[in-house]
Structures are given as C-alpha cells and as structure tokens.
C-alpha cells in the first residue's frame, strides 16, 4: 500500500509540474502576440513644392464669328432678275449681290423726276414774272408822277375847271393802276411760299423714288462673304423677304461662354486660340459682352490678332490667361482629389489633407499642371502626394522608395499562414 501511495504522489507531482510548464509556455506565447506589429504602408510617389506665383490658364471652347453680319431682306415688292453670286463667295464692298426687277419703281421715279422738273420750271417762271411786275409798277408810278406834275402846272397857269377835272380824273385812274400793281407784288411772297412748299414735297417724293430704285440693286455693304443665299431668279419677293446673309470677311472674333467667376477680371484676360495646327493671340473685346439668358456664364467676344486664317463657324480651343496668383502650388492633375483636396506628407509619413481652390491650369513641356491655392495659411514648403489613390484617408501611412526608410515587413496572420 505504501508503495502504491508513493507512486501516486509522484504521478501527481509530475502532472503539476507539467501543468506549470504548460502554463509558462502559454504565458510566454501570449506575451509574444501582444508585441506591436509594424504598421502597413502604401507605396506612392510624392513631390516637394514651394508656394510661388503663377499665371493660371482657363481652357474653353469657342466659335469663330464675323464682327459684322447682316440678314439682307427685300424692301420692295418685285421679282428677282438675277443673283450674280453664290453662297460662300467672297466679294468686295459695292459688288452687286441681287438685282430685282425695278420696272414699276423706275416708272415711279420717272414721274417723280417730271413733277420735280415741272415745279422748278414754275418757280423760275414765277420769278421772271415778278421781275416784270416790278418793272410795270415802276412805269405806273412814273406815269402817276407825270400826271400829278401836269395837274399842278395847269392849275398854276389858271387852266379851266374842265381841264383840271379831266386831269384829276386821269390822276385818280393812274393811282388805281399803281395800287393794283402794288397789290400784285404784295401777293408774291405768299405765292412764292406755296410754290416752294410744293417743290419741297415733290423733291421728297423724288428722293423716295430714288431710294426705292436703289433698293432694287442690292450691293455688298462691306468686304465680306455670302454666308447664305436665299433669293432665286424669277422669285417674287415682298418687303421683308429674306434675300441673303452677308458677313464680314476681314474682321473675325471668337465667341466664348465665360464662367461667371471670371466676370470681374474679364477685361484683363488675354489668350490664344488653336485648331488643326493653327493658333492666334486674342484679346477681350470691351464692346461685346452680355449675360447669357438661362445660364451661369457670360457670352463674350475676343478680337483675333491675325484673323485671315480662320473660317466663320469654326470651333476652336480657347486658352485664357488669368491674372497672376500669389501663394499657389503647381501640382500634377493626379494630385487633386474631388476638385478641392491635396495631401501633404507629415514627418511620420502620414497623409494630411489640405483644402485648396482650383485657380486654373498651365501647360509646360507638354504636361498639364493645376494651379491651386490653399484656403488656409500653411507652411510654404510641402511634400505632396501625386499618386492617384482610390481612397486616400487622413493618417494613411505611405512609403516612397528612395525617399523614405524601408518599412519593416508585416508578419503574416495565422489565416494567411494557413492559406500559404
């Protein structure tokens, strides 16, 4: 019995010892799992930037337009005799574009010319008659003066009463003739005014007829191009009927819908247009800007320095230079997230967001760069993330080979080990 008890005690001691060793082993393993793991890193590329001054660009789409364009319509009722030009023709000022049948207009013009000539002749005849009337008055007055002198002489020498009565009757009759001649001359200004008023009226009618006659021949008002020809030979047209569309050819401009944010600085804008290997400098036209109804932009026109290489209606790429921006970063397109964030790298190699305002673009060495300005004051020198991450987050640790220390390898988890 003692031997059995002793053996049992030894077995118990062995089991306790094994349990203690097992517990120690388990405790040692727990201590090893609680040790800090190396933090996971994301491999990226960055650039170091300094705040500086840049002149950003804005890129838009524009369309070439003529500085002048006219929709020419008929001003008379007539038929189209001929159209010596075709759509697309470039012509000089004064070239006949459309000739209308002006037979009725010419008849009216001839009648107006005859009426004007007739009233001019009447006025000329009236003036000649007035000269004769003035001479007649002078003769009558001279005759009256003679009769008065004769009457006085006869009275002085004691002529008979009958003689004196006859002379007095002659004087009275001559005095009547003088007054009649004076009355004729006194009416002359009124008669002349009536004739002149009639002449003015007929001259106005003549000018109207001449204008109507001129309207039968439609000529180019300036050097330009026939953008569209609507009139056809033998076509009957009436006042308001469209004949053709004519545009200037020597002076082009580009139409652009400016963002409303550029409204305040539009007069400072310069730039260039490009299309199919051609380019020209442009400048803002102060005289042609309007708010586009129903949109958030400004319809504006820019004058083209050398416009002979451009075609009306052509669509072009427009690059506008904004005024210089101070305290800005020039970053690649990939560095801007959601149009308002860039990410700097702190001393612990972690991402830190910086809110920015996009000011425009610049193009250097065939690469596009964005010009952005921080919304808050920051250090002038920054290390900026340029790798396009799907979901950059604040505090994400990054690593750039050749710049940052090599990260420690992250141990595999048990599940990863089992899978391997």
Protein backbone atom coordinates (compact mmCIF):
# COMPACT_ATOMS: atom_id res chain seq x y z
CA UNK A 1 0.00 0.00 0.00
CA UNK A 2 2.75 2.47 0.84
CA UNK A 3 4.44 1.75 -2.45
CA UNK A 4 1.20 2.47 -4.34
CA UNK A 5 0.62 5.69 -2.46
CA UNK A 6 4.17 6.80 -3.10
CA UNK A 7 3.81 6.15 -6.83
CA UNK A 8 0.57 8.01 -6.91
CA UNK A 9 2.18 11.00 -5.24
CA UNK A 10 4.98 11.04 -7.79
CA UNK A 11 2.47 10.96 -10.60
CA UNK A 12 0.62 13.88 -9.05
CA UNK A 13 3.81 15.89 -8.69
CA UNK A 14 4.65 15.15 -12.32
CA UNK A 15 1.27 16.32 -13.50
CA UNK A 16 1.52 19.54 -11.50
CA UNK A 17 4.98 20.17 -12.85
CA UNK A 18 3.79 19.60 -16.42
CA UNK A 19 0.86 21.94 -15.81
CA UNK A 20 3.16 24.67 -14.54
CA UNK A 21 5.45 24.26 -17.54
CA UNK A 22 2.42 24.31 -19.83
CA UNK A 23 1.11 27.46 -18.22
CA UNK A 24 4.51 29.12 -18.51
CA UNK A 25 4.68 28.17 -22.18
CA UNK A 26 1.23 29.56 -22.79
CA UNK A 27 2.11 32.71 -20.91
CA UNK A 28 5.25 33.17 -22.97
CA UNK A 29 3.25 32.77 -26.20
CA UNK A 30 0.69 35.41 -25.11
CA UNK A 31 3.45 37.88 -24.38
CA UNK A 32 4.84 37.39 -27.88
CA UNK A 33 1.43 38.15 -29.60
CA UNK A 34 0.92 41.42 -27.74
CA UNK A 35 4.16 42.96 -29.10
CA UNK A 36 3.48 45.95 -31.53
CA UNK A 37 3.27 44.99 -35.17
CA UNK A 38 4.91 47.00 -37.96
CA UNK A 39 2.34 49.41 -39.48
CA UNK A 40 1.16 48.71 -43.05
CA UNK A 41 2.35 51.25 -45.63
CA UNK A 42 1.16 52.24 -49.11
CA UNK A 43 3.76 52.71 -51.82
CA UNK A 44 3.34 56.10 -53.54
CA UNK A 45 5.15 58.92 -55.32
CA UNK A 46 5.42 62.46 -54.00
CA UNK A 47 6.93 65.80 -54.97
CA UNK A 48 8.26 68.66 -52.90
CA UNK A 49 6.69 72.03 -53.67
CA UNK A 50 7.06 75.64 -52.60
CA UNK A 51 4.35 78.28 -52.61
CA UNK A 52 5.00 80.63 -55.54
CA UNK A 53 3.37 82.99 -58.04
CA UNK A 54 1.78 81.53 -61.19
CA UNK A 55 -0.38 82.74 -64.07
CA UNK A 56 -3.09 80.10 -64.45
CA UNK A 57 -4.94 79.33 -67.67
CA UNK A 58 -8.57 78.51 -68.33
CA UNK A 59 -9.43 76.28 -71.27
CA UNK A 60 -12.73 76.69 -73.04
CA UNK A 61 -14.36 76.03 -76.41
CA UNK A 62 -15.08 78.96 -78.73
CA UNK A 63 -16.54 79.61 -82.15
CA UNK A 64 -15.30 81.95 -84.85
CA UNK A 65 -17.79 84.67 -85.75
CA UNK A 66 -17.65 87.70 -88.04
CA UNK A 67 -17.57 91.11 -86.40
CA UNK A 68 -20.45 92.13 -88.70
CA UNK A 69 -23.26 90.03 -90.11
CA UNK A 70 -26.38 91.17 -91.91
CA UNK A 71 -29.59 89.43 -92.86
CA UNK A 72 -30.44 91.34 -96.06
CA UNK A 73 -34.14 91.47 -96.95
CA UNK A 74 -36.10 92.97 -99.80
CA UNK A 75 -37.58 96.41 -99.19
CA UNK A 76 -39.82 96.45 -102.26
CA UNK A 77 -42.26 94.16 -104.00
CA UNK A 78 -40.58 92.86 -107.14
CA UNK A 79 -39.28 89.78 -108.89
CA UNK A 80 -35.67 88.65 -108.75
CA UNK A 81 -33.92 89.30 -112.06
CA UNK A 82 -30.56 87.72 -111.21
CA UNK A 83 -28.16 86.71 -108.43
CA UNK A 84 -24.62 87.15 -109.78
CA UNK A 85 -23.08 85.49 -106.70
CA UNK A 86 -23.29 82.13 -104.90
CA UNK A 87 -23.20 81.05 -101.28
CA UNK A 88 -19.65 81.15 -99.96
CA UNK A 89 -18.43 83.77 -102.43
CA UNK A 90 -16.05 86.41 -101.02
CA UNK A 91 -16.72 89.85 -102.53
CA UNK A 92 -15.63 93.45 -102.13
CA UNK A 93 -17.84 96.30 -101.00
CA UNK A 94 -20.10 97.61 -103.80
CA UNK A 95 -20.37 94.34 -105.75
CA UNK A 96 -23.95 93.58 -106.89
CA UNK A 97 -25.40 90.69 -104.88
CA UNK A 98 -29.03 90.62 -106.06
CA UNK A 99 -30.80 92.55 -108.84
CA UNK A 100 -34.57 92.97 -108.58
CA UNK A 101 -36.90 93.90 -111.43
CA UNK A 102 -37.36 97.67 -110.98
CA UNK A 103 -39.75 98.48 -113.87
CA UNK A 104 -42.53 99.82 -111.63
CA UNK A 105 -40.00 101.59 -109.44
CA UNK A 106 -38.42 103.23 -112.47
CA UNK A 107 -41.85 104.39 -113.66
CA UNK A 108 -42.48 105.98 -110.30
CA UNK A 109 -39.04 107.55 -110.38
CA UNK A 110 -39.60 109.00 -113.85
CA UNK A 111 -42.93 110.54 -112.76
CA UNK A 112 -41.32 112.00 -109.65
CA UNK A 113 -38.50 113.46 -111.73
CA UNK A 114 -41.01 115.03 -114.14
CA UNK A 115 -43.00 116.54 -111.28
CA UNK A 116 -39.86 117.96 -109.72
CA UNK A 117 -38.75 119.46 -113.03
CA UNK A 118 -42.21 120.96 -113.61
CA UNK A 119 -42.35 122.70 -110.25
CA UNK A 120 -38.80 124.01 -110.74
CA UNK A 121 -39.88 125.49 -114.08
CA UNK A 122 -42.95 127.06 -112.47
CA UNK A 123 -40.79 128.71 -109.82
CA UNK A 124 -38.43 130.00 -112.48
CA UNK A 125 -41.35 131.42 -114.48
CA UNK A 126 -42.81 132.96 -111.34
CA UNK A 127 -39.53 134.74 -110.57
CA UNK A 128 -39.35 136.09 -114.13
CA UNK A 129 -42.96 137.31 -113.89
CA UNK A 130 -42.18 139.04 -110.62
CA UNK A 131 -39.33 140.91 -112.28
CA UNK A 132 -41.76 142.10 -114.98
CA UNK A 133 -44.31 143.09 -112.35
CA UNK A 134 -41.74 145.20 -110.55
CA UNK A 135 -40.89 146.97 -113.83
CA UNK A 136 -44.62 147.54 -114.54
CA UNK A 137 -45.11 149.06 -111.10
CA UNK A 138 -42.24 151.41 -111.67
CA UNK A 139 -43.77 152.53 -115.01
CA UNK A 140 -47.17 153.12 -113.41
CA UNK A 141 -45.58 155.11 -110.61
CA UNK A 142 -43.63 157.22 -113.12
CA UNK A 143 -46.83 157.86 -115.09
CA UNK A 144 -48.62 158.90 -111.90
CA UNK A 145 -45.81 161.29 -111.05
CA UNK A 146 -46.08 162.90 -114.52
CA UNK A 147 -49.85 163.35 -114.24
CA UNK A 148 -49.51 164.93 -110.80
CA UNK A 149 -46.90 167.38 -112.15
CA UNK A 150 -49.12 168.25 -115.13
CA UNK A 151 -52.12 168.84 -112.88
CA UNK A 152 -50.07 171.21 -110.73
CA UNK A 153 -48.77 173.11 -113.77
CA UNK A 154 -52.26 173.55 -115.29
CA UNK A 155 -53.63 174.68 -112.01
CA UNK A 156 -50.80 177.20 -111.65
CA UNK A 157 -51.44 178.78 -115.07
CA UNK A 158 -55.18 179.04 -114.40
CA UNK A 159 -56.46 176.29 -116.64
CA UNK A 160 -60.18 175.88 -116.98
CA UNK A 161 -62.14 173.89 -114.48
CA UNK A 162 -62.92 171.25 -117.10
CA UNK A 163 -59.25 170.79 -117.90
CA UNK A 164 -58.39 170.47 -114.27
CA UNK A 165 -61.27 168.00 -113.71
CA UNK A 166 -60.06 165.82 -116.62
CA UNK A 167 -56.51 165.81 -115.27
CA UNK A 168 -57.72 164.98 -111.81
CA UNK A 169 -59.70 162.05 -113.20
CA UNK A 170 -56.57 160.81 -115.01
CA UNK A 171 -54.54 161.06 -111.81
CA UNK A 172 -57.18 159.11 -109.92
CA UNK A 173 -57.25 156.36 -112.57
CA UNK A 174 -53.41 156.17 -112.62
CA UNK A 175 -53.31 155.97 -108.86
CA UNK A 176 -55.64 152.94 -109.07
CA UNK A 177 -53.29 151.26 -111.55
CA UNK A 178 -50.34 151.83 -109.23
CA UNK A 179 -52.19 150.30 -106.29
CA UNK A 180 -53.20 147.34 -108.45
CA UNK A 181 -49.54 146.76 -109.42
CA UNK A 182 -48.51 147.07 -105.78
CA UNK A 183 -51.15 144.53 -104.76
CA UNK A 184 -49.84 142.08 -107.34
CA UNK A 185 -46.33 142.39 -105.90
CA UNK A 186 -47.55 142.16 -102.31
CA UNK A 187 -49.11 138.75 -103.04
CA UNK A 188 -45.83 137.45 -104.48
CA UNK A 189 -44.28 136.18 -101.19
CA UNK A 190 -47.33 134.04 -100.43
CA UNK A 191 -47.42 132.65 -103.96
CA UNK A 192 -43.69 132.01 -103.83
CA UNK A 193 -44.01 130.18 -100.49
CA UNK A 194 -46.76 127.96 -101.87
CA UNK A 195 -44.62 127.07 -104.87
CA UNK A 196 -41.61 126.36 -102.66
CA UNK A 197 -43.65 124.13 -100.36
CA UNK A 198 -44.96 122.25 -103.36
CA UNK A 199 -41.41 121.92 -104.66
CA UNK A 200 -40.22 120.55 -101.32
CA UNK A 201 -42.99 117.98 -101.33
CA UNK A 202 -42.19 116.88 -104.87
CA UNK A 203 -38.46 116.75 -104.14
CA UNK A 204 -39.16 114.49 -101.17
CA UNK A 205 -41.22 112.26 -103.42
CA UNK A 206 -38.34 112.21 -105.88
CA UNK A 207 -35.84 111.20 -103.19
CA UNK A 208 -38.20 108.47 -102.03
CA UNK A 209 -38.50 107.19 -105.58
CA UNK A 210 -34.72 107.27 -105.95
CA UNK A 211 -34.32 105.27 -102.74
CA UNK A 212 -36.85 102.77 -103.95
CA UNK A 213 -34.96 102.49 -107.23
CA UNK A 214 -31.71 101.94 -105.32
CA UNK A 215 -33.37 99.18 -103.32
CA UNK A 216 -33.77 97.16 -106.50
CA UNK A 217 -30.00 96.74 -106.68
CA UNK A 218 -28.55 95.08 -103.58
CA UNK A 219 -24.78 95.57 -103.24
CA UNK A 220 -22.23 94.37 -100.68
CA UNK A 221 -22.09 96.96 -97.85
CA UNK A 222 -18.51 96.00 -96.96
CA UNK A 223 -15.84 93.46 -97.83
CA UNK A 224 -17.30 90.12 -96.85
CA UNK A 225 -18.68 86.73 -97.68
CA UNK A 226 -22.10 85.43 -98.75
CA UNK A 227 -22.90 83.12 -95.86
CA UNK A 228 -26.27 82.03 -97.29
CA UNK A 229 -28.17 82.91 -100.47
CA UNK A 230 -31.96 82.61 -100.28
CA UNK A 231 -33.06 84.54 -103.39
CA UNK A 232 -33.54 82.76 -106.73
CA UNK A 233 -34.06 84.14 -110.23
CA UNK A 234 -37.71 84.90 -111.13
CA UNK A 235 -38.73 84.59 -107.50
CA UNK A 236 -41.39 87.10 -106.37
CA UNK A 237 -40.39 88.92 -103.20
CA UNK A 238 -42.13 91.43 -100.99
CA UNK A 239 -40.87 93.80 -98.27
CA UNK A 240 -39.27 91.66 -95.55
CA UNK A 241 -38.49 88.65 -97.75
CA UNK A 242 -35.04 87.18 -96.94
CA UNK A 243 -32.57 87.54 -99.80
CA UNK A 244 -29.22 86.53 -98.29
CA UNK A 245 -26.99 86.52 -95.22
CA UNK A 246 -23.78 88.53 -95.53
CA UNK A 247 -20.87 88.50 -93.08
CA UNK A 248 -17.65 90.49 -92.78
CA UNK A 249 -14.56 88.72 -94.02
CA UNK A 250 -11.73 91.00 -92.89
CA UNK A 251 -12.53 91.17 -89.18
CA UNK A 252 -13.19 87.96 -87.21
CA UNK A 253 -13.71 87.38 -83.50
CA UNK A 254 -14.19 84.35 -81.26
CA UNK A 255 -17.30 83.84 -79.14
CA UNK A 256 -16.74 82.27 -75.71
CA UNK A 257 -19.05 81.45 -72.82
CA UNK A 258 -17.01 82.65 -69.83
CA UNK A 259 -17.57 81.17 -66.37
CA UNK A 260 -19.31 83.68 -64.13
CA UNK A 261 -16.27 83.57 -61.79
CA UNK A 262 -14.25 85.38 -64.48
CA UNK A 263 -16.73 88.24 -64.88
CA UNK A 264 -14.84 90.67 -62.66
CA UNK A 265 -11.50 90.08 -64.39
CA UNK A 266 -12.72 89.72 -67.99
CA UNK A 267 -11.08 92.95 -69.17
CA UNK A 268 -7.68 91.64 -68.04
CA UNK A 269 -7.99 88.38 -69.94
CA UNK A 270 -5.75 87.57 -72.86
CA UNK A 271 -5.04 84.26 -74.51
CA UNK A 272 -4.88 82.29 -77.71
CA UNK A 273 -6.99 80.05 -79.91
CA UNK A 274 -5.86 76.82 -81.55
CA UNK A 275 -7.23 74.42 -84.16
CA UNK A 276 -5.59 71.98 -86.58
CA UNK A 277 -2.09 73.31 -86.00
CA UNK A 278 -3.08 76.98 -86.31
CA UNK A 279 -3.04 79.45 -83.46
CA UNK A 280 -3.64 83.17 -82.92
CA UNK A 281 -3.48 85.53 -79.98
CA UNK A 282 -6.76 87.01 -78.77
CA UNK A 283 -7.77 89.92 -76.54
CA UNK A 284 -11.01 90.79 -74.80
CA UNK A 285 -13.45 92.96 -76.76
CA UNK A 286 -14.91 95.52 -74.33
CA UNK A 287 -17.77 96.41 -76.63
CA UNK A 288 -19.34 92.97 -76.92
CA UNK A 289 -20.28 91.20 -73.71
CA UNK A 290 -23.67 90.12 -72.49
CA UNK A 291 -25.19 87.89 -69.86
CA UNK A 292 -26.37 84.69 -71.46
CA UNK A 293 -30.07 84.22 -70.52
CA UNK A 294 -30.72 80.99 -68.69
CA UNK A 295 -27.08 80.15 -67.92
CA UNK A 296 -24.45 80.97 -65.34
CA UNK A 297 -21.97 82.40 -67.80
CA UNK A 298 -21.13 85.47 -69.81
CA UNK A 299 -21.22 85.39 -73.59
CA UNK A 300 -18.10 87.33 -74.55
CA UNK A 301 -16.16 88.06 -77.70
CA UNK A 302 -12.41 88.24 -78.16
CA UNK A 303 -10.70 90.03 -81.05
CA UNK A 304 -8.26 87.93 -83.09
CA UNK A 305 -4.89 89.47 -83.91
CA UNK A 306 -4.45 87.68 -87.26
CA UNK A 307 -7.87 86.58 -88.43
CA UNK A 308 -7.18 85.75 -92.07
CA UNK A 309 -6.53 82.06 -91.28
CA UNK A 310 -9.90 81.43 -89.65
CA UNK A 311 -13.29 80.46 -91.09
CA UNK A 312 -16.69 81.66 -89.90
CA UNK A 313 -18.37 78.97 -87.79
CA UNK A 314 -15.15 77.12 -86.98
CA UNK A 315 -14.92 75.63 -83.47
CA UNK A 316 -11.59 76.31 -81.72
CA UNK A 317 -9.81 75.58 -78.45
CA UNK A 318 -9.53 78.72 -76.33
CA UNK A 319 -6.84 79.20 -73.69
CA UNK A 320 -7.28 82.29 -71.50
CA UNK A 321 -4.58 83.67 -69.22
CA UNK A 322 -5.83 84.82 -65.84
CA UNK A 323 -4.01 87.42 -63.73
CA UNK A 324 -1.10 86.07 -61.67
CA UNK A 325 -1.97 84.21 -58.46
CA UNK A 326 0.24 84.53 -55.38
CA UNK A 327 0.95 81.79 -52.78
CA UNK A 328 -0.06 78.94 -55.05
CA UNK A 329 1.06 75.38 -55.74
CA UNK A 330 1.63 73.91 -59.19
CA UNK A 331 0.59 70.26 -58.93
CA UNK A 332 0.00 67.48 -61.47
CA UNK A 333 -3.60 66.58 -62.27
CA UNK A 334 -3.29 63.34 -60.27
CA UNK A 335 -2.59 65.27 -57.05
CA UNK A 336 -6.04 66.91 -56.83
CA UNK A 337 -8.86 64.90 -55.26
CA UNK A 338 -12.54 65.82 -55.51
CA UNK A 339 -11.52 69.18 -57.03
CA UNK A 340 -10.65 70.58 -53.60
CA UNK A 341 -8.11 68.43 -51.75
CA UNK A 342 -4.41 67.72 -51.96
CA UNK A 343 -2.49 65.61 -49.43
CA UNK A 344 0.78 66.54 -47.76
CA UNK A 345 3.10 64.06 -46.04
CA UNK A 346 4.00 64.71 -42.39
CA UNK A 347 7.15 63.65 -40.51
CA UNK A 348 5.59 60.25 -39.70
CA UNK A 349 4.98 59.61 -43.40
CA UNK A 350 1.23 60.00 -42.95
CA UNK A 351 -1.28 61.80 -45.19
CA UNK A 352 -2.63 65.15 -44.11
CA UNK A 353 -5.38 66.82 -46.21
CA UNK A 354 -5.07 70.43 -47.42
CA UNK A 355 -8.17 72.14 -48.76
CA UNK A 356 -7.42 74.18 -51.89
CA UNK A 357 -9.15 76.30 -54.54
CA UNK A 358 -8.53 75.43 -58.18
CA UNK A 359 -7.37 78.59 -59.98
CA UNK A 360 -6.65 77.15 -63.41
CA UNK A 361 -4.04 75.27 -65.39
CA UNK A 362 -0.69 75.75 -67.03
CA UNK A 363 0.99 73.63 -69.67
CA UNK A 364 4.73 73.08 -69.50
CA UNK A 365 6.78 70.62 -71.53
CA UNK A 366 3.64 69.01 -72.96
CA UNK A 367 2.32 68.31 -69.45
CA UNK A 368 -0.74 69.81 -67.78
CA UNK A 369 -0.36 71.22 -64.28
CA UNK A 370 -3.04 72.56 -61.94
CA UNK A 371 -2.64 75.85 -60.08
CA UNK A 372 -4.23 75.65 -56.61
CA UNK A 373 -4.23 77.96 -53.62
CA UNK A 374 -4.66 76.75 -50.01
CA UNK A 375 -7.78 78.01 -48.28
CA UNK A 376 -5.83 78.39 -45.02
CA UNK A 377 -2.33 79.53 -44.15
CA UNK A 378 0.21 76.68 -44.30
CA UNK A 379 3.96 76.25 -44.41
CA UNK A 380 5.46 77.39 -47.69
CA UNK A 381 7.26 74.09 -48.35
CA UNK A 382 5.20 70.92 -48.63
CA UNK A 383 5.69 67.32 -49.69
CA UNK A 384 2.64 66.46 -51.80
CA UNK A 385 1.14 63.10 -52.79
CA UNK A 386 0.94 62.68 -56.58
CA UNK A 387 -0.09 59.01 -56.84
CA UNK A 388 -3.76 58.64 -57.70
CA UNK A 389 -5.14 56.60 -54.79
CA UNK A 390 -8.69 55.26 -54.87
CA UNK A 391 -9.46 56.24 -51.31
CA UNK A 392 -6.82 58.40 -49.61
CA UNK A 393 -7.55 58.89 -45.92
CA UNK A 394 -6.12 61.10 -43.25
CA UNK A 395 -3.35 59.32 -41.34
CA UNK A 396 -2.69 56.74 -44.05
CA UNK A 397 1.00 55.81 -43.84
CA UNK A 398 2.86 55.96 -47.14
CA UNK A 399 6.26 54.93 -48.42
CA UNK A 400 8.25 56.21 -51.36
CA UNK A 401 11.22 54.11 -52.40
CA UNK A 402 14.46 56.04 -52.33
CA UNK A 403 12.95 58.76 -50.13
CA UNK A 404 11.53 57.10 -47.01
CA UNK A 405 13.20 54.42 -44.80
CA UNK A 406 12.42 50.86 -45.86
CA UNK A 407 9.35 49.73 -43.88
CA UNK A 408 9.52 46.65 -41.61
CA UNK A 409 7.78 43.59 -43.08
CA UNK A 410 4.35 42.93 -41.65
CA UNK A 411 4.12 39.30 -40.27
CA UNK A 412 1.52 37.03 -41.74
CA UNK A 413 -1.57 36.26 -39.72
CA UNK A 414 -2.46 32.62 -38.89
CA UNK A 415 -5.14 32.64 -41.58
CA UNK A 416 -2.63 33.94 -44.14
CA UNK A 417 -0.11 31.32 -42.98
CA UNK A 418 -2.71 28.55 -43.29
CA UNK A 419 -3.60 29.73 -46.79
CA UNK A 420 0.06 29.68 -47.79
